[in-house]
C-alpha atoms as a PDB file:
ATOM      1  CA  UNK A   1     203.010 149.559 110.531  1.00  0.00           C
ATOM      2  CA  UNK A   2     204.497 151.410 107.529  1.00  0.00           C
ATOM      3  CA  UNK A   3     207.667 152.966 107.913  1.00  0.00           C
ATOM      4  CA  UNK A   4     207.887 156.864 107.477  1.00  0.00           C
ATOM      5  CA  UNK A   5     209.003 158.317 104.218  1.00  0.00           C
ATOM      6  CA  UNK A   6     210.769 161.772 104.579  1.00  0.00           C
ATOM      7  CA  UNK A   7     211.339 164.416 102.020  1.00  0.00           C
ATOM      8  CA  UNK A   8     214.613 165.306 100.775  1.00  0.00           C
ATOM      9  CA  UNK A   9     216.055 168.403 102.553  1.00  0.00           C
ATOM     10  CA  UNK A  10     216.106 170.388  99.521  1.00  0.00           C
ATOM     11  CA  UNK A  11     212.299 170.004  99.215  1.00  0.00           C
ATOM     12  CA  UNK A  12     211.458 170.925 102.783  1.00  0.00           C
ATOM     13  CA  UNK A  13     210.144 174.461 103.211  1.00  0.00           C
ATOM     14  CA  UNK A  14     211.537 176.204 106.446  1.00  0.00           C
ATOM     15  CA  UNK A  15     210.163 179.761 105.814  1.00  0.00           C
ATOM     16  CA  UNK A  16     207.361 181.443 107.618  1.00  0.00           C
ATOM     17  CA  UNK A  17     204.569 180.082 105.408  1.00  0.00           C
ATOM     18  CA  UNK A  18     205.874 176.568 105.749  1.00  0.00           C
ATOM     19  CA  UNK A  19     203.084 173.852 106.416  1.00  0.00           C
ATOM     20  CA  UNK A  20     205.580 171.236 107.676  1.00  0.00           C
ATOM     21  CA  UNK A  21     205.135 170.170 111.150  1.00  0.00           C
ATOM     22  CA  UNK A  22     207.604 168.687 113.684  1.00  0.00           C
ATOM     23  CA  UNK A  23     206.983 164.991 114.775  1.00  0.00           C
ATOM     24  CA  UNK A  24     206.762 164.569 118.480  1.00  0.00           C
ATOM     25  CA  UNK A  25     206.585 161.213 119.235  1.00  0.00           C
ATOM     26  CA  UNK A  26     204.927 160.004 122.481  1.00  0.00           C
ATOM     27  CA  UNK A  27     207.731 158.466 124.450  1.00  0.00           C
ATOM     28  CA  UNK A  28     206.903 155.686 126.559  1.00  0.00           C
ATOM     29  CA  UNK A  29     210.195 154.872 127.800  1.00  0.00           C
ATOM     30  CA  UNK A  30     210.577 154.372 131.511  1.00  0.00           C
ATOM     31  CA  UNK A  31     212.470 156.820 133.943  1.00  0.00           C
ATOM     32  CA  UNK A  32     214.951 155.071 135.986  1.00  0.00           C
ATOM     33  CA  UNK A  33     217.515 155.926 138.202  1.00  0.00           C
ATOM     34  CA  UNK A  34     220.065 154.459 140.926  1.00  0.00           C
ATOM     35  CA  UNK A  35     219.455 150.724 141.688  1.00  0.00           C
ATOM     36  CA  UNK A  36     216.688 150.572 139.047  1.00  0.00           C
ATOM     37  CA  UNK A  37     219.190 151.258 136.274  1.00  0.00           C
ATOM     38  CA  UNK A  38     221.311 148.453 137.394  1.00  0.00           C
ATOM     39  CA  UNK A  39     218.281 146.138 137.353  1.00  0.00           C
ATOM     40  CA  UNK A  40     217.079 147.520 133.843  1.00  0.00           C
ATOM     41  CA  UNK A  41     220.434 146.931 132.359  1.00  0.00           C
ATOM     42  CA  UNK A  42     220.627 143.618 133.935  1.00  0.00           C
ATOM     43  CA  UNK A  43     217.227 142.575 132.247  1.00  0.00           C
ATOM     44  CA  UNK A  44     218.428 143.935 128.905  1.00  0.00           C
ATOM     45  CA  UNK A  45     221.579 141.916 129.080  1.00  0.00           C
ATOM     46  CA  UNK A  46     219.629 138.694 129.605  1.00  0.00           C
ATOM     47  CA  UNK A  47     219.849 136.547 125.952  1.00  0.00           C
ATOM     48  CA  UNK A  48     216.091 136.288 125.472  1.00  0.00           C
ATOM     49  CA  UNK A  49     214.256 138.505 127.610  1.00  0.00           C
ATOM     50  CA  UNK A  50     216.642 141.452 126.926  1.00  0.00           C
ATOM     51  CA  UNK A  51     215.844 141.159 123.215  1.00  0.00           C
ATOM     52  CA  UNK A  52     212.146 141.017 123.881  1.00  0.00           C
ATOM     53  CA  UNK A  53     212.173 143.983 126.193  1.00  0.00           C
ATOM     54  CA  UNK A  54     214.285 146.077 123.532  1.00  0.00           C
ATOM     55  CA  UNK A  55     211.903 145.265 120.754  1.00  0.00           C
ATOM     56  CA  UNK A  56     208.730 146.246 122.938  1.00  0.00           C
ATOM     57  CA  UNK A  57     210.427 149.742 123.729  1.00  0.00           C
ATOM     58  CA  UNK A  58     211.340 150.432 120.323  1.00  0.00           C
ATOM     59  CA  UNK A  59     207.934 149.527 118.977  1.00  0.00           C
ATOM     60  CA  UNK A  60     206.211 151.617 121.652  1.00  0.00           C
ATOM     61  CA  UNK A  61     208.406 154.689 120.973  1.00  0.00           C
ATOM     62  CA  UNK A  62     208.188 154.447 117.331  1.00  0.00           C
ATOM     63  CA  UNK A  63     211.820 153.963 116.820  1.00  0.00           C
ATOM     64  CA  UNK A  64     211.380 151.219 113.937  1.00  0.00           C
ATOM     65  CA  UNK A  65     208.933 153.473 112.001  1.00  0.00           C
ATOM     66  CA  UNK A  66     210.532 156.875 112.514  1.00  0.00           C
ATOM     67  CA  UNK A  67     214.474 156.002 112.405  1.00  0.00           C
ATOM     68  CA  UNK A  68     215.309 152.616 111.953  1.00  0.00           C
ATOM     69  CA  UNK A  69     212.906 151.683 108.946  1.00  0.00           C
ATOM     70  CA  UNK A  70     212.568 155.064 107.771  1.00  0.00           C
ATOM     71  CA  UNK A  71     213.393 155.988 103.993  1.00  0.00           C
ATOM     72  CA  UNK A  72     215.478 159.123 103.608  1.00  0.00           C
ATOM     73  CA  UNK A  73     216.200 160.085  99.886  1.00  0.00           C
ATOM     74  CA  UNK A  74     219.384 161.953 100.737  1.00  0.00           C
ATOM     75  CA  UNK A  75     222.698 161.746  98.510  1.00  0.00           C
ATOM     76  CA  UNK A  76     225.813 160.677 100.548  1.00  0.00           C
ATOM     77  CA  UNK A  77     227.018 163.436 103.096  1.00  0.00           C
ATOM     78  CA  UNK A  78     230.684 163.016 101.854  1.00  0.00           C
ATOM     79  CA  UNK A  79     231.604 162.684  98.342  1.00  0.00           C
ATOM     80  CA  UNK A  80     235.046 162.982  96.655  1.00  0.00           C
ATOM     81  CA  UNK A  81     235.519 166.477  95.169  1.00  0.00           C
ATOM     82  CA  UNK A  82     238.411 165.304  92.714  1.00  0.00           C
ATOM     83  CA  UNK A  83     238.001 163.851  89.535  1.00  0.00           C
ATOM     84  CA  UNK A  84     239.216 160.109  89.615  1.00  0.00           C
ATOM     85  CA  UNK A  85     241.014 159.023  86.524  1.00  0.00           C
ATOM     86  CA  UNK A  86     242.777 155.772  86.315  1.00  0.00           C
ATOM     87  CA  UNK A  87     246.324 156.704  85.335  1.00  0.00           C
ATOM     88  CA  UNK A  88     248.025 153.876  83.257  1.00  0.00           C
ATOM     89  CA  UNK A  89     250.958 152.222  84.957  1.00  0.00           C
ATOM     90  CA  UNK A  90     254.377 152.760  83.929  1.00  0.00           C
ATOM     91  CA  UNK A  91     257.014 150.128  83.059  1.00  0.00           C
ATOM     92  CA  UNK A  92     254.348 147.609  83.028  1.00  0.00           C
ATOM     93  CA  UNK A  93     254.228 144.664  80.319  1.00  0.00           C
ATOM     94  CA  UNK A  94     251.016 142.794  80.028  1.00  0.00           C
ATOM     95  CA  UNK A  95     251.470 139.182  78.532  1.00  0.00           C
ATOM     96  CA  UNK A  96     248.704 138.014  76.122  1.00  0.00           C
ATOM     97  CA  UNK A  97     246.708 134.988  77.738  1.00  0.00           C
ATOM     98  CA  UNK A  98     246.951 132.810  74.683  1.00  0.00           C
ATOM     99  CA  UNK A  99     250.687 132.557  74.837  1.00  0.00           C
ATOM    100  CA  UNK A 100     252.455 129.425  75.688  1.00  0.00           C
ATOM    101  CA  UNK A 101     254.290 129.091  78.980  1.00  0.00           C
ATOM    102  CA  UNK A 102     257.648 129.351  77.372  1.00  0.00           C
ATOM    103  CA  UNK A 103     256.503 132.759  75.251  1.00  0.00           C
ATOM    104  CA  UNK A 104     255.371 134.151  78.854  1.00  0.00           C
ATOM    105  CA  UNK A 105     258.760 133.093  80.518  1.00  0.00           C
ATOM    106  CA  UNK A 106     260.605 134.679  77.601  1.00  0.00           C
ATOM    107  CA  UNK A 107     258.519 138.001  77.901  1.00  0.00           C
ATOM    108  CA  UNK A 108     259.109 138.002  81.688  1.00  0.00           C
ATOM    109  CA  UNK A 109     262.821 137.503  81.230  1.00  0.00           C
ATOM    110  CA  UNK A 110     262.919 140.472  78.667  1.00  0.00           C
ATOM    111  CA  UNK A 111     261.443 142.588  81.428  1.00  0.00           C
ATOM    112  CA  UNK A 112     264.251 142.028  83.834  1.00  0.00           C
ATOM    113  CA  UNK A 113     266.896 144.825  84.096  1.00  0.00           C
ATOM    114  CA  UNK A 114     270.113 144.081  82.322  1.00  0.00           C
ATOM    115  CA  UNK A 115     273.102 142.836  84.597  1.00  0.00           C
ATOM    116  CA  UNK A 116     275.484 145.269  85.843  1.00  0.00           C
ATOM    117  CA  UNK A 117     278.796 145.402  84.340  1.00  0.00           C
ATOM    118  CA  UNK A 118     281.135 145.515  87.373  1.00  0.00           C
ATOM    119  CA  UNK A 119     281.660 142.833  89.661  1.00  0.00           C
ATOM    120  CA  UNK A 120     280.355 141.880  93.040  1.00  0.00           C
ATOM    121  CA  UNK A 121     283.893 141.364  94.389  1.00  0.00           C
ATOM    122  CA  UNK A 122     285.540 144.690  92.963  1.00  0.00           C
ATOM    123  CA  UNK A 123     282.967 147.181  94.197  1.00  0.00           C
ATOM    124  CA  UNK A 124     283.150 148.759  97.565  1.00  0.00           C
ATOM    125  CA  UNK A 125     280.640 148.111 100.179  1.00  0.00           C
ATOM    126  CA  UNK A 126     279.583 151.630  99.998  1.00  0.00           C
ATOM    127  CA  UNK A 127     278.588 151.459  96.298  1.00  0.00           C
ATOM    128  CA  UNK A 128     275.175 152.830  95.374  1.00  0.00           C
ATOM    129  CA  UNK A 129     274.545 150.256  93.082  1.00  0.00           C
ATOM    130  CA  UNK A 130     271.412 148.097  93.418  1.00  0.00           C
ATOM    131  CA  UNK A 131     272.360 144.628  92.671  1.00  0.00           C
ATOM    132  CA  UNK A 132     269.579 142.231  91.274  1.00  0.00           C
ATOM    133  CA  UNK A 133     268.941 138.488  91.849  1.00  0.00           C
ATOM    134  CA  UNK A 134     270.221 138.033  88.254  1.00  0.00           C
ATOM    135  CA  UNK A 135     273.312 139.763  89.363  1.00  0.00           C
ATOM    136  CA  UNK A 136     273.707 137.314  92.321  1.00  0.00           C
ATOM    137  CA  UNK A 137     272.898 134.292  90.379  1.00  0.00           C
ATOM    138  CA  UNK A 138     275.393 135.040  87.567  1.00  0.00           C
ATOM    139  CA  UNK A 139     278.097 135.665  90.077  1.00  0.00           C
ATOM    140  CA  UNK A 140     277.226 132.337  92.116  1.00  0.00           C
ATOM    141  CA  UNK A 141     276.903 130.312  89.028  1.00  0.00           C
ATOM    142  CA  UNK A 142     280.293 131.488  87.463  1.00  0.00           C
ATOM    143  CA  UNK A 143     282.216 131.383  90.782  1.00  0.00           C
ATOM    144  CA  UNK A 144     282.903 134.941  90.689  1.00  0.00           C
ATOM    145  CA  UNK A 145     281.878 135.259  94.327  1.00  0.00           C
ATOM    146  CA  UNK A 146     280.466 132.954  96.893  1.00  0.00           C
ATOM    147  CA  UNK A 147     277.538 133.015  99.151  1.00  0.00           C
ATOM    148  CA  UNK A 148     279.918 133.007 102.174  1.00  0.00           C
ATOM    149  CA  UNK A 149     281.828 136.120 100.867  1.00  0.00           C
ATOM    150  CA  UNK A 150     278.567 138.008 100.558  1.00  0.00           C
ATOM    151  CA  UNK A 151     277.423 136.607 104.189  1.00  0.00           C
ATOM    152  CA  UNK A 152     280.719 137.901 105.729  1.00  0.00           C
ATOM    153  CA  UNK A 153     280.563 141.494 103.913  1.00  0.00           C
ATOM    154  CA  UNK A 154     276.896 141.603 105.229  1.00  0.00           C
ATOM    155  CA  UNK A 155     277.782 140.770 108.731  1.00  0.00           C
ATOM    156  CA  UNK A 156     280.701 143.217 108.764  1.00  0.00           C
ATOM    157  CA  UNK A 157     278.150 145.972 107.492  1.00  0.00           C
ATOM    158  CA  UNK A 158     275.629 145.127 110.106  1.00  0.00           C
ATOM    159  CA  UNK A 159     278.427 145.245 112.926  1.00  0.00           C
ATOM    160  CA  UNK A 160     279.608 148.560 111.717  1.00  0.00           C
ATOM    161  CA  UNK A 161     276.394 150.048 111.691  1.00  0.00           C
ATOM    162  CA  UNK A 162     275.703 148.554 115.129  1.00  0.00           C
ATOM    163  CA  UNK A 163     278.576 150.288 116.787  1.00  0.00           C
ATOM    164  CA  UNK A 164     278.464 153.228 119.117  1.00  0.00           C
ATOM    165  CA  UNK A 165     278.715 155.891 116.561  1.00  0.00           C
ATOM    166  CA  UNK A 166     275.692 154.497 114.447  1.00  0.00           C
ATOM    167  CA  UNK A 167     273.382 152.273 116.733  1.00  0.00           C
ATOM    168  CA  UNK A 168     271.255 151.464 113.829  1.00  0.00           C
ATOM    169  CA  UNK A 169     270.012 148.136 115.414  1.00  0.00           C
ATOM    170  CA  UNK A 170     268.708 146.615 112.124  1.00  0.00           C
ATOM    171  CA  UNK A 171     267.741 143.091 113.852  1.00  0.00           C
ATOM    172  CA  UNK A 172     266.551 142.341 117.376  1.00  0.00           C
ATOM    173  CA  UNK A 173     268.593 139.411 117.413  1.00  0.00           C
ATOM    174  CA  UNK A 174     270.406 137.394 114.893  1.00  0.00           C
ATOM    175  CA  UNK A 175     273.046 134.278 114.854  1.00  0.00           C
ATOM    176  CA  UNK A 176     276.182 135.303 112.658  1.00  0.00           C
ATOM    177  CA  UNK A 177     277.254 131.501 113.011  1.00  0.00           C
ATOM    178  CA  UNK A 178     273.879 130.356 111.508  1.00  0.00           C
ATOM    179  CA  UNK A 179     274.240 132.793 108.757  1.00  0.00           C
ATOM    180  CA  UNK A 180     277.698 131.588 108.026  1.00  0.00           C
ATOM    181  CA  UNK A 181     276.607 128.063 108.173  1.00  0.00           C
ATOM    182  CA  UNK A 182     273.722 128.525 105.601  1.00  0.00           C
ATOM    183  CA  UNK A 183     275.868 130.583 103.423  1.00  0.00           C
ATOM    184  CA  UNK A 184     278.439 127.651 103.441  1.00  0.00           C
ATOM    185  CA  UNK A 185     275.692 125.131 102.460  1.00  0.00           C
ATOM    186  CA  UNK A 186     274.497 127.291  99.670  1.00  0.00           C
ATOM    187  CA  UNK A 187     278.087 127.543  98.380  1.00  0.00           C
ATOM    188  CA  UNK A 188     278.318 123.835  98.368  1.00  0.00           C
ATOM    189  CA  UNK A 189     275.106 123.531  96.314  1.00  0.00           C
ATOM    190  CA  UNK A 190     276.399 126.123  93.819  1.00  0.00           C
ATOM    191  CA  UNK A 191     279.793 124.141  93.660  1.00  0.00           C
ATOM    192  CA  UNK A 192     277.885 120.791  92.948  1.00  0.00           C
ATOM    193  CA  UNK A 193     275.710 122.394  90.124  1.00  0.00           C
ATOM    194  CA  UNK A 194     278.750 124.054  88.320  1.00  0.00           C
ATOM    195  CA  UNK A 195     280.701 120.713  88.598  1.00  0.00           C
ATOM    196  CA  UNK A 196     277.501 118.949  87.176  1.00  0.00           C
ATOM    197  CA  UNK A 197     277.254 121.302  84.423  1.00  0.00           C
ATOM    198  CA  UNK A 198     280.809 121.153  83.701  1.00  0.00           C
ATOM    199  CA  UNK A 199     280.735 117.132  83.394  1.00  0.00           C
ATOM    200  CA  UNK A 200     277.454 117.134  81.479  1.00  0.00           C
ATOM    201  CA  UNK A 201     279.031 119.703  78.903  1.00  0.00           C
ATOM    202  CA  UNK A 202     282.261 117.691  78.779  1.00  0.00           C
ATOM    203  CA  UNK A 203     280.557 114.159  78.127  1.00  0.00           C
ATOM    204  CA  UNK A 204     278.402 116.053  75.371  1.00  0.00           C
ATOM    205  CA  UNK A 205     281.612 117.288  73.829  1.00  0.00           C
ATOM    206  CA  UNK A 206     283.068 113.643  73.864  1.00  0.00           C
ATOM    207  CA  UNK A 207     279.858 112.127  72.514  1.00  0.00           C
ATOM    208  CA  UNK A 208     280.060 114.552  69.431  1.00  0.00           C
ATOM    209  CA  UNK A 209     283.827 113.712  68.881  1.00  0.00           C
ATOM    210  CA  UNK A 210     283.006 110.154  68.910  1.00  0.00           C
ATOM    211  CA  UNK A 211     280.279 110.687  66.817  1.00  0.00           C
ATOM    212  CA  UNK A 212     282.400 112.500  64.285  1.00  0.00           C
ATOM    213  CA  UNK A 213     285.171 109.908  64.343  1.00  0.00           C
ATOM    214  CA  UNK A 214     282.680 107.142  63.778  1.00  0.00           C
ATOM    215  CA  UNK A 215     281.196 108.809  60.869  1.00  0.00           C
ATOM    216  CA  UNK A 216     284.698 109.467  59.352  1.00  0.00           C
ATOM    217  CA  UNK A 217     285.615 105.797  59.737  1.00  0.00           C
ATOM    218  CA  UNK A 218     282.591 104.612  58.114  1.00  0.00           C
END
């Protein structure tokens, strides 16, 4: 059975001289009520028999031909009324695909914001500055400030904001002892790295000094 092909709404003549006719299918669906409705629903919900009964009902009532398989050449009912334009992103640096990994890293580093001039220790807690990861890494590596100091200031700020006057409740639950413990471990790691770098630098200086002496003696 071929599917029904409808005309577009703009081509349908609804005037008094229209020759369009209204399709009134011969409905053969059973009329049930009460207990029969429950039995009918129970049959439709059966895995195999229900699908067969539903298919027969749709076929007898021309639902597949007039509705499900029909072709309606109509545009979408809802379309965007504004003109979409792809605005180029601001402050975006695109790396070239043929660059080497060191060159890509160099371009990525050049996109990072410059470090702030003031120190983490000297600025008050209410300072509006937005510290970056580079600032924290520089301060931790140079020993200017330690993760323990940052953790203590953070916990003090959370405690102040969670007091009776503000009641901000930033966290559902947190452990100050665990935060301090992790900060102490991080401080030790930075100290080990700093000591290792200092020893490596000192050893390199001694090596070059010995090389110069050996060259002079030769």
